[in-house]
Amino acid sequence: PEWIAAGAVAVGMGSALSEGDRDTVAKRAADLLARLAD
């Protein structure tokens, strides 16, 4: 979110986004998408 707030149009993310089981990744992704939009 700091990168987006600074003016980046998007970010690319690897293991920081995808590590963990399905539930963990789903919660992480939902939280991240909301914070990026904000």
PDB file of all heavy atoms in Angstrom:
ATOM      1  N   PRO A   1       0.814  -1.224   0.000  1.00  0.00           N
ATOM      2  CA  PRO A   1       0.000   0.000   0.000  1.00  0.00           C
ATOM      3  C   PRO A   1       0.847   1.275   0.000  1.00  0.00           C
ATOM      4  O   PRO A   1       0.417   2.298  -0.552  1.00  0.00           O
ATOM      5  CB  PRO A   1      -0.820  -0.124   1.291  1.00  0.00           C
ATOM      6  CG  PRO A   1      -0.882  -1.589   1.570  1.00  0.00           C
ATOM      7  CD  PRO A   1       0.473  -2.091   1.142  1.00  0.00           C
ATOM      8  N   GLU A   2       2.034   1.230   0.586  1.00  0.00           N
ATOM      9  CA  GLU A   2       2.911   2.401   0.589  1.00  0.00           C
ATOM     10  C   GLU A   2       3.354   2.744  -0.829  1.00  0.00           C
ATOM     11  O   GLU A   2       3.454   3.919  -1.192  1.00  0.00           O
ATOM     12  CB  GLU A   2       4.125   2.150   1.479  1.00  0.00           C
ATOM     13  CG  GLU A   2       3.794   1.922   2.948  1.00  0.00           C
ATOM     14  CD  GLU A   2       5.033   1.601   3.766  1.00  0.00           C
ATOM     15  OE1 GLU A   2       6.156   1.920   3.295  1.00  0.00           O
ATOM     16  OE2 GLU A   2       4.895   1.037   4.862  1.00  0.00           O
ATOM     17  N   TRP A   3       3.641   1.726  -1.635  1.00  0.00           N
ATOM     18  CA  TRP A   3       4.031   1.958  -3.023  1.00  0.00           C
ATOM     19  C   TRP A   3       2.884   2.591  -3.807  1.00  0.00           C
ATOM     20  O   TRP A   3       3.094   3.511  -4.604  1.00  0.00           O
ATOM     21  CB  TRP A   3       4.451   0.651  -3.683  1.00  0.00           C
ATOM     22  CG  TRP A   3       5.764   0.096  -3.209  1.00  0.00           C
ATOM     23  CD1 TRP A   3       5.958  -0.984  -2.394  1.00  0.00           C
ATOM     24  CD2 TRP A   3       7.066   0.581  -3.526  1.00  0.00           C
ATOM     25  NE1 TRP A   3       7.292  -1.197  -2.182  1.00  0.00           N
ATOM     26  CE2 TRP A   3       8.008  -0.254  -2.870  1.00  0.00           C
ATOM     27  CE3 TRP A   3       7.542   1.630  -4.309  1.00  0.00           C
ATOM     28  CZ2 TRP A   3       9.379  -0.063  -2.968  1.00  0.00           C
ATOM     29  CZ3 TRP A   3       8.911   1.828  -4.416  1.00  0.00           C
ATOM     30  CH2 TRP A   3       9.823   0.990  -3.753  1.00  0.00           C
ATOM     31  N   ILE A   4       1.671   2.097  -3.578  1.00  0.00           N
ATOM     32  CA  ILE A   4       0.514   2.646  -4.284  1.00  0.00           C
ATOM     33  C   ILE A   4       0.269   4.087  -3.837  1.00  0.00           C
ATOM     34  O   ILE A   4       0.005   4.970  -4.659  1.00  0.00           O
ATOM     35  CB  ILE A   4      -0.732   1.782  -4.038  1.00  0.00           C
ATOM     36  CG1 ILE A   4      -0.506   0.350  -4.566  1.00  0.00           C
ATOM     37  CG2 ILE A   4      -1.962   2.404  -4.698  1.00  0.00           C
ATOM     38  CD1 ILE A   4      -0.177   0.264  -6.037  1.00  0.00           C
ATOM     39  N   ALA A   5       0.366   4.334  -2.548  1.00  0.00           N
ATOM     40  CA  ALA A   5       0.166   5.688  -2.033  1.00  0.00           C
ATOM     41  C   ALA A   5       1.205   6.652  -2.596  1.00  0.00           C
ATOM     42  O   ALA A   5       0.927   7.845  -2.764  1.00  0.00           O
ATOM     43  CB  ALA A   5       0.227   5.682  -0.510  1.00  0.00           C
ATOM     44  N   ALA A   6       2.398   6.126  -2.908  1.00  0.00           N
ATOM     45  CA  ALA A   6       3.470   6.961  -3.449  1.00  0.00           C
ATOM     46  C   ALA A   6       3.276   7.272  -4.927  1.00  0.00           C
ATOM     47  O   ALA A   6       3.979   8.124  -5.473  1.00  0.00           O
ATOM     48  CB  ALA A   6       4.815   6.285  -3.238  1.00  0.00           C
ATOM     49  N   GLY A   7       2.333   6.570  -5.575  1.00  0.00           N
ATOM     50  CA  GLY A   7       2.049   6.858  -6.975  1.00  0.00           C
ATOM     51  C   GLY A   7       2.262   5.720  -7.946  1.00  0.00           C
ATOM     52  O   GLY A   7       2.053   5.893  -9.151  1.00  0.00           O
ATOM     53  N   ALA A   8       2.661   4.542  -7.464  1.00  0.00           N
ATOM     54  CA  ALA A   8       2.786   3.389  -8.351  1.00  0.00           C
ATOM     55  C   ALA A   8       1.397   2.972  -8.836  1.00  0.00           C
ATOM     56  O   ALA A   8       0.420   3.070  -8.091  1.00  0.00           O
ATOM     57  CB  ALA A   8       3.449   2.223  -7.620  1.00  0.00           C
ATOM     58  N   VAL A   9       1.301   2.508 -10.080  1.00  0.00           N
ATOM     59  CA  VAL A   9      -0.004   2.103 -10.604  1.00  0.00           C
ATOM     60  C   VAL A   9      -0.386   0.702 -10.136  1.00  0.00           C
ATOM     61  O   VAL A   9      -1.565   0.340 -10.113  1.00  0.00           O
ATOM     62  CB  VAL A   9      -0.044   2.168 -12.139  1.00  0.00           C
ATOM     63  CG1 VAL A   9       0.112   3.596 -12.620  1.00  0.00           C
ATOM     64  CG2 VAL A   9       1.011   1.268 -12.772  1.00  0.00           C
ATOM     65  N   ALA A  10       0.613  -0.095  -9.776  1.00  0.00           N
ATOM     66  CA  ALA A  10       0.375  -1.457  -9.284  1.00  0.00           C
ATOM     67  C   ALA A  10       1.679  -1.977  -8.704  1.00  0.00           C
ATOM     68  O   ALA A  10       2.719  -1.309  -8.788  1.00  0.00           O
ATOM     69  CB  ALA A  10      -0.114  -2.375 -10.397  1.00  0.00           C
ATOM     70  N   VAL A  11       1.624  -3.152  -8.100  1.00  0.00           N
ATOM     71  CA  VAL A  11       2.825  -3.832  -7.620  1.00  0.00           C
ATOM     72  C   VAL A  11       2.801  -5.271  -8.111  1.00  0.00           C
ATOM     73  O   VAL A  11       1.734  -5.838  -8.373  1.00  0.00           O
ATOM     74  CB  VAL A  11       2.927  -3.820  -6.072  1.00  0.00           C
ATOM     75  CG1 VAL A  11       3.111  -2.410  -5.554  1.00  0.00           C
ATOM     76  CG2 VAL A  11       1.704  -4.484  -5.432  1.00  0.00           C
ATOM     77  N   GLY A  12       3.979  -5.852  -8.246  1.00  0.00           N
ATOM     78  CA  GLY A  12       4.082  -7.267  -8.551  1.00  0.00           C
ATOM     79  C   GLY A  12       4.556  -7.995  -7.306  1.00  0.00           C
ATOM     80  O   GLY A  12       5.486  -7.535  -6.637  1.00  0.00           O
ATOM     81  N   MET A  13       3.917  -9.125  -6.997  1.00  0.00           N
ATOM     82  CA  MET A  13       4.263  -9.850  -5.771  1.00  0.00           C
ATOM     83  C   MET A  13       4.346 -11.350  -6.034  1.00  0.00           C
ATOM     84  O   MET A  13       3.498 -11.917  -6.735  1.00  0.00           O
ATOM     85  CB  MET A  13       3.224  -9.575  -4.684  1.00  0.00           C
ATOM     86  CG  MET A  13       3.167  -8.130  -4.227  1.00  0.00           C
ATOM     87  SD  MET A  13       1.935  -7.835  -2.931  1.00  0.00           S
ATOM     88  CE  MET A  13       2.615  -8.845  -1.595  1.00  0.00           C
ATOM     89  N   GLY A  14       5.353 -11.979  -5.442  1.00  0.00           N
ATOM     90  CA  GLY A  14       5.531 -13.411  -5.584  1.00  0.00           C
ATOM     91  C   GLY A  14       5.131 -14.165  -4.330  1.00  0.00           C
ATOM     92  O   GLY A  14       3.981 -14.175  -3.934  1.00  0.00           O
ATOM     93  N   SER A  15       6.130 -14.775  -3.673  1.00  0.00           N
ATOM     94  CA  SER A  15       5.846 -15.625  -2.517  1.00  0.00           C
ATOM     95  C   SER A  15       5.217 -14.855  -1.363  1.00  0.00           C
ATOM     96  O   SER A  15       4.498 -15.433  -0.543  1.00  0.00           O
ATOM     97  CB  SER A  15       7.130 -16.314  -2.041  1.00  0.00           C
ATOM     98  OG  SER A  15       8.115 -15.359  -1.686  1.00  0.00           O
ATOM     99  N   ALA A  16       5.480 -13.557  -1.274  1.00  0.00           N
ATOM    100  CA  ALA A  16       4.876 -12.766  -0.201  1.00  0.00           C
ATOM    101  C   ALA A  16       3.355 -12.796  -0.277  1.00  0.00           C
ATOM    102  O   ALA A  16       2.678 -12.579   0.728  1.00  0.00           O
ATOM    103  CB  ALA A  16       5.360 -11.319  -0.275  1.00  0.00           C
ATOM    104  N   LEU A  17       2.841 -13.076  -1.450  1.00  0.00           N
ATOM    105  CA  LEU A  17       1.392 -13.161  -1.638  1.00  0.00           C
ATOM    106  C   LEU A  17       0.898 -14.599  -1.633  1.00  0.00           C
ATOM    107  O   LEU A  17      -0.194 -14.886  -1.143  1.00  0.00           O
ATOM    108  CB  LEU A  17       1.014 -12.495  -2.965  1.00  0.00           C
ATOM    109  CG  LEU A  17      -0.462 -12.442  -3.339  1.00  0.00           C
ATOM    110  CD1 LEU A  17      -1.271 -11.683  -2.288  1.00  0.00           C
ATOM    111  CD2 LEU A  17      -0.631 -11.779  -4.707  1.00  0.00           C
ATOM    112  N   SER A  18       1.708 -15.521  -2.160  1.00  0.00           N
ATOM    113  CA  SER A  18       1.211 -16.872  -2.425  1.00  0.00           C
ATOM    114  C   SER A  18       1.560 -17.920  -1.374  1.00  0.00           C
ATOM    115  O   SER A  18       1.053 -19.045  -1.432  1.00  0.00           O
ATOM    116  CB  SER A  18       1.742 -17.353  -3.784  1.00  0.00           C
ATOM    117  OG  SER A  18       3.155 -17.430  -3.774  1.00  0.00           O
ATOM    118  N   GLU A  19       2.413 -17.597  -0.410  1.00  0.00           N
ATOM    119  CA  GLU A  19       2.798 -18.610   0.587  1.00  0.00           C
ATOM    120  C   GLU A  19       1.623 -18.982   1.488  1.00  0.00           C
ATOM    121  O   GLU A  19       0.820 -18.127   1.861  1.00  0.00           O
ATOM    122  CB  GLU A  19       3.944 -18.093   1.452  1.00  0.00           C
ATOM    123  CG  GLU A  19       5.297 -18.145   0.770  1.00  0.00           C
ATOM    124  CD  GLU A  19       6.415 -17.716   1.703  1.00  0.00           C
ATOM    125  OE1 GLU A  19       6.136 -17.015   2.694  1.00  0.00           O
ATOM    126  OE2 GLU A  19       7.570 -18.080   1.427  1.00  0.00           O
ATOM    127  N   GLY A  20       1.533 -20.252   1.844  1.00  0.00           N
ATOM    128  CA  GLY A  20       0.504 -20.706   2.771  1.00  0.00           C
ATOM    129  C   GLY A  20      -0.579 -21.530   2.103  1.00  0.00           C
ATOM    130  O   GLY A  20      -0.571 -21.733   0.889  1.00  0.00           O
ATOM    131  N   ASP A  21      -1.517 -22.012   2.925  1.00  0.00           N
ATOM    132  CA  ASP A  21      -2.620 -22.805   2.381  1.00  0.00           C
ATOM    133  C   ASP A  21      -3.680 -21.885   1.780  1.00  0.00           C
ATOM    134  O   ASP A  21      -3.567 -20.659   1.812  1.00  0.00           O
ATOM    135  CB  ASP A  21      -3.220 -23.714   3.457  1.00  0.00           C
ATOM    136  CG  ASP A  21      -3.737 -22.933   4.669  1.00  0.00           C
ATOM    137  OD1 ASP A  21      -4.103 -21.745   4.518  1.00  0.00           O
ATOM    138  OD2 ASP A  21      -3.783 -23.515   5.765  1.00  0.00           O
ATOM    139  N   ARG A  22      -4.738 -22.489   1.242  1.00  0.00           N
ATOM    140  CA  ARG A  22      -5.754 -21.713   0.536  1.00  0.00           C
ATOM    141  C   ARG A  22      -6.413 -20.667   1.433  1.00  0.00           C
ATOM    142  O   ARG A  22      -6.629 -19.527   1.010  1.00  0.00           O
ATOM    143  CB  ARG A  22      -6.828 -22.653  -0.037  1.00  0.00           C
ATOM    144  CG  ARG A  22      -6.396 -23.369  -1.296  1.00  0.00           C
ATOM    145  CD  ARG A  22      -7.488 -24.286  -1.810  1.00  0.00           C
ATOM    146  NE  ARG A  22      -7.110 -24.903  -3.058  1.00  0.00           N
ATOM    147  CZ  ARG A  22      -7.371 -24.413  -4.264  1.00  0.00           C
ATOM    148  NH1 ARG A  22      -8.045 -23.271  -4.366  1.00  0.00           N
ATOM    149  NH2 ARG A  22      -7.004 -25.037  -5.361  1.00  0.00           N
ATOM    150  N   ASP A  23      -6.744 -21.055   2.643  1.00  0.00           N
ATOM    151  CA  ASP A  23      -7.414 -20.110   3.542  1.00  0.00           C
ATOM    152  C   ASP A  23      -6.500 -18.925   3.870  1.00  0.00           C
ATOM    153  O   ASP A  23      -6.943 -17.777   3.895  1.00  0.00           O
ATOM    154  CB  ASP A  23      -7.846 -20.809   4.834  1.00  0.00           C
ATOM    155  CG  ASP A  23      -9.013 -21.760   4.614  1.00  0.00           C
ATOM    156  OD1 ASP A  23      -9.699 -21.619   3.583  1.00  0.00           O
ATOM    157  OD2 ASP A  23      -9.237 -22.631   5.471  1.00  0.00           O
ATOM    158  N   THR A  24      -5.235 -19.227   4.119  1.00  0.00           N
ATOM    159  CA  THR A  24      -4.279 -18.166   4.448  1.00  0.00           C
ATOM    160  C   THR A  24      -4.122 -17.200   3.286  1.00  0.00           C
ATOM    161  O   THR A  24      -4.150 -15.977   3.465  1.00  0.00           O
ATOM    162  CB  THR A  24      -2.911 -18.772   4.798  1.00  0.00           C
ATOM    163  OG1 THR A  24      -3.056 -19.623   5.944  1.00  0.00           O
ATOM    164  CG2 THR A  24      -1.891 -17.680   5.097  1.00  0.00           C
ATOM    165  N   VAL A  25      -3.966 -17.752   2.082  1.00  0.00           N
ATOM    166  CA  VAL A  25      -3.782 -16.915   0.899  1.00  0.00           C
ATOM    167  C   VAL A  25      -5.044 -16.107   0.613  1.00  0.00           C
ATOM    168  O   VAL A  25      -4.973 -14.926   0.251  1.00  0.00           O
ATOM    169  CB  VAL A  25      -3.388 -17.770  -0.322  1.00  0.00           C
ATOM    170  CG1 VAL A  25      -3.317 -16.912  -1.578  1.00  0.00           C
ATOM    171  CG2 VAL A  25      -2.046 -18.454  -0.079  1.00  0.00           C
ATOM    172  N   ALA A  26      -6.211 -16.732   0.789  1.00  0.00           N
ATOM    173  CA  ALA A  26      -7.471 -16.032   0.536  1.00  0.00           C
ATOM    174  C   ALA A  26      -7.635 -14.839   1.474  1.00  0.00           C
ATOM    175  O   ALA A  26      -8.015 -13.734   1.044  1.00  0.00           O
ATOM    176  CB  ALA A  26      -8.642 -16.994   0.697  1.00  0.00           C
ATOM    177  N   LYS A  27      -7.341 -15.027   2.743  1.00  0.00           N
ATOM    178  CA  LYS A  27      -7.459 -13.932   3.712  1.00  0.00           C
ATOM    179  C   LYS A  27      -6.442 -12.838   3.414  1.00  0.00           C
ATOM    180  O   LYS A  27      -6.747 -11.645   3.491  1.00  0.00           O
ATOM    181  CB  LYS A  27      -7.272 -14.474   5.132  1.00  0.00           C
ATOM    182  CG  LYS A  27      -8.399 -15.384   5.602  1.00  0.00           C
ATOM    183  CD  LYS A  27      -8.115 -15.962   6.982  1.00  0.00           C
ATOM    184  CE  LYS A  27      -9.228 -16.898   7.427  1.00  0.00           C
ATOM    185  NZ  LYS A  27      -8.931 -17.528   8.747  1.00  0.00           N
ATOM    186  N   ARG A  28      -5.224 -13.249   3.086  1.00  0.00           N
ATOM    187  CA  ARG A  28      -4.175 -12.279   2.781  1.00  0.00           C
ATOM    188  C   ARG A  28      -4.545 -11.464   1.548  1.00  0.00           C
ATOM    189  O   ARG A  28      -4.390 -10.234   1.521  1.00  0.00           O
ATOM    190  CB  ARG A  28      -2.853 -13.008   2.544  1.00  0.00           C
ATOM    191  CG  ARG A  28      -1.685 -12.071   2.259  1.00  0.00           C
ATOM    192  CD  ARG A  28      -0.437 -12.852   1.896  1.00  0.00           C
ATOM    193  NE  ARG A  28      -0.023 -13.728   2.976  1.00  0.00           N
ATOM    194  CZ  ARG A  28       0.262 -15.015   2.831  1.00  0.00           C
ATOM    195  NH1 ARG A  28       0.192 -15.583   1.630  1.00  0.00           N
ATOM    196  NH2 ARG A  28       0.631 -15.750   3.856  1.00  0.00           N
ATOM    197  N   ALA A  29      -5.035 -12.136   0.523  1.00  0.00           N
ATOM    198  CA  ALA A  29      -5.387 -11.447  -0.720  1.00  0.00           C
ATOM    199  C   ALA A  29      -6.543 -10.472  -0.510  1.00  0.00           C
ATOM    200  O   ALA A  29      -6.504  -9.332  -0.994  1.00  0.00           O
ATOM    201  CB  ALA A  29      -5.745 -12.463  -1.807  1.00  0.00           C
ATOM    202  N   ALA A  30      -7.561 -10.889   0.206  1.00  0.00           N
ATOM    203  CA  ALA A  30      -8.714 -10.017   0.442  1.00  0.00           C
ATOM    204  C   ALA A  30      -8.303  -8.769   1.211  1.00  0.00           C
ATOM    205  O   ALA A  30      -8.714  -7.645   0.880  1.00  0.00           O
ATOM    206  CB  ALA A  30      -9.797 -10.781   1.196  1.00  0.00           C
ATOM    207  N   ASP A  31      -7.482  -8.960   2.234  1.00  0.00           N
ATOM    208  CA  ASP A  31      -7.010  -7.828   3.023  1.00  0.00           C
ATOM    209  C   ASP A  31      -6.144  -6.895   2.180  1.00  0.00           C
ATOM    210  O   ASP A  31      -6.285  -5.663   2.235  1.00  0.00           O
ATOM    211  CB  ASP A  31      -6.223  -8.340   4.225  1.00  0.00           C
ATOM    212  CG  ASP A  31      -5.607  -7.205   5.043  1.00  0.00           C
ATOM    213  OD1 ASP A  31      -6.366  -6.446   5.671  1.00  0.00           O
ATOM    214  OD2 ASP A  31      -4.367  -7.078   5.034  1.00  0.00           O
ATOM    215  N   LEU A  32      -5.260  -7.484   1.368  1.00  0.00           N
ATOM    216  CA  LEU A  32      -4.366  -6.681   0.545  1.00  0.00           C
ATOM    217  C   LEU A  32      -5.141  -5.868  -0.486  1.00  0.00           C
ATOM    218  O   LEU A  32      -4.882  -4.673  -0.664  1.00  0.00           O
ATOM    219  CB  LEU A  32      -3.358  -7.581  -0.164  1.00  0.00           C
ATOM    220  CG  LEU A  32      -2.397  -6.864  -1.125  1.00  0.00           C
ATOM    221  CD1 LEU A  32      -1.520  -5.881  -0.380  1.00  0.00           C
ATOM    222  CD2 LEU A  32      -1.553  -7.881  -1.887  1.00  0.00           C
ATOM    223  N   LEU A  33      -6.084  -6.495  -1.160  1.00  0.00           N
ATOM    224  CA  LEU A  33      -6.841  -5.789  -2.191  1.00  0.00           C
ATOM    225  C   LEU A  33      -7.592  -4.600  -1.602  1.00  0.00           C
ATOM    226  O   LEU A  33      -7.663  -3.528  -2.216  1.00  0.00           O
ATOM    227  CB  LEU A  33      -7.813  -6.747  -2.884  1.00  0.00           C
ATOM    228  CG  LEU A  33      -7.165  -7.838  -3.746  1.00  0.00           C
ATOM    229  CD1 LEU A  33      -8.234  -8.786  -4.280  1.00  0.00           C
ATOM    230  CD2 LEU A  33      -6.370  -7.234  -4.902  1.00  0.00           C
ATOM    231  N   ALA A  34      -8.141  -4.776  -0.421  1.00  0.00           N
ATOM    232  CA  ALA A  34      -8.861  -3.672   0.229  1.00  0.00           C
ATOM    233  C   ALA A  34      -7.909  -2.543   0.583  1.00  0.00           C
ATOM    234  O   ALA A  34      -8.222  -1.356   0.377  1.00  0.00           O
ATOM    235  CB  ALA A  34      -9.575  -4.185   1.477  1.00  0.00           C
ATOM    236  N   ARG A  35      -6.729  -2.890   1.099  1.00  0.00           N
ATOM    237  CA  ARG A  35      -5.778  -1.848   1.508  1.00  0.00           C
ATOM    238  C   ARG A  35      -5.163  -1.136   0.301  1.00  0.00           C
ATOM    239  O   ARG A  35      -4.872   0.059   0.358  1.00  0.00           O
ATOM    240  CB  ARG A  35      -4.693  -2.446   2.397  1.00  0.00           C
ATOM    241  CG  ARG A  35      -5.232  -2.853   3.778  1.00  0.00           C
ATOM    242  CD  ARG A  35      -4.136  -3.179   4.758  1.00  0.00           C
ATOM    243  NE  ARG A  35      -3.383  -4.348   4.362  1.00  0.00           N
ATOM    244  CZ  ARG A  35      -2.076  -4.367   4.148  1.00  0.00           C
ATOM    245  NH1 ARG A  35      -1.371  -3.252   4.290  1.00  0.00           N
ATOM    246  NH2 ARG A  35      -1.462  -5.479   3.809  1.00  0.00           N
ATOM    247  N   LEU A  36      -4.988  -1.850  -0.805  1.00  0.00           N
ATOM    248  CA  LEU A  36      -4.470  -1.218  -2.014  1.00  0.00           C
ATOM    249  C   LEU A  36      -5.484  -0.212  -2.570  1.00  0.00           C
ATOM    250  O   LEU A  36      -5.110   0.884  -3.003  1.00  0.00           O
ATOM    251  CB  LEU A  36      -4.146  -2.272  -3.073  1.00  0.00           C
ATOM    252  CG  LEU A  36      -2.961  -3.198  -2.784  1.00  0.00           C
ATOM    253  CD1 LEU A  36      -2.779  -4.184  -3.928  1.00  0.00           C
ATOM    254  CD2 LEU A  36      -1.681  -2.410  -2.555  1.00  0.00           C
ATOM    255  N   ALA A  37      -6.752  -0.592  -2.568  1.00  0.00           N
ATOM    256  CA  ALA A  37      -7.792   0.320  -3.055  1.00  0.00           C
ATOM    257  C   ALA A  37      -7.848   1.578  -2.197  1.00  0.00           C
ATOM    258  O   ALA A  37      -8.010   2.693  -2.710  1.00  0.00           O
ATOM    259  CB  ALA A  37      -9.141  -0.389  -3.069  1.00  0.00           C
ATOM    260  N   ASP A  38      -7.700   1.410  -0.891  1.00  0.00           N
ATOM    261  CA  ASP A  38      -7.740   2.565   0.016  1.00  0.00           C
ATOM    262  C   ASP A  38      -6.507   3.451  -0.135  1.00  0.00           C
ATOM    263  O   ASP A  38      -6.560   4.644   0.188  1.00  0.00           O
ATOM    264  CB  ASP A  38      -7.832   2.093   1.466  1.00  0.00           C
ATOM    265  CG  ASP A  38      -9.192   1.475   1.797  1.00  0.00           C
ATOM    266  OD1 ASP A  38     -10.156   1.735   1.044  1.00  0.00           O
ATOM    267  OD2 ASP A  38      -9.271   0.734   2.794  1.00  0.00           O
TER     268      ASP A  38
END
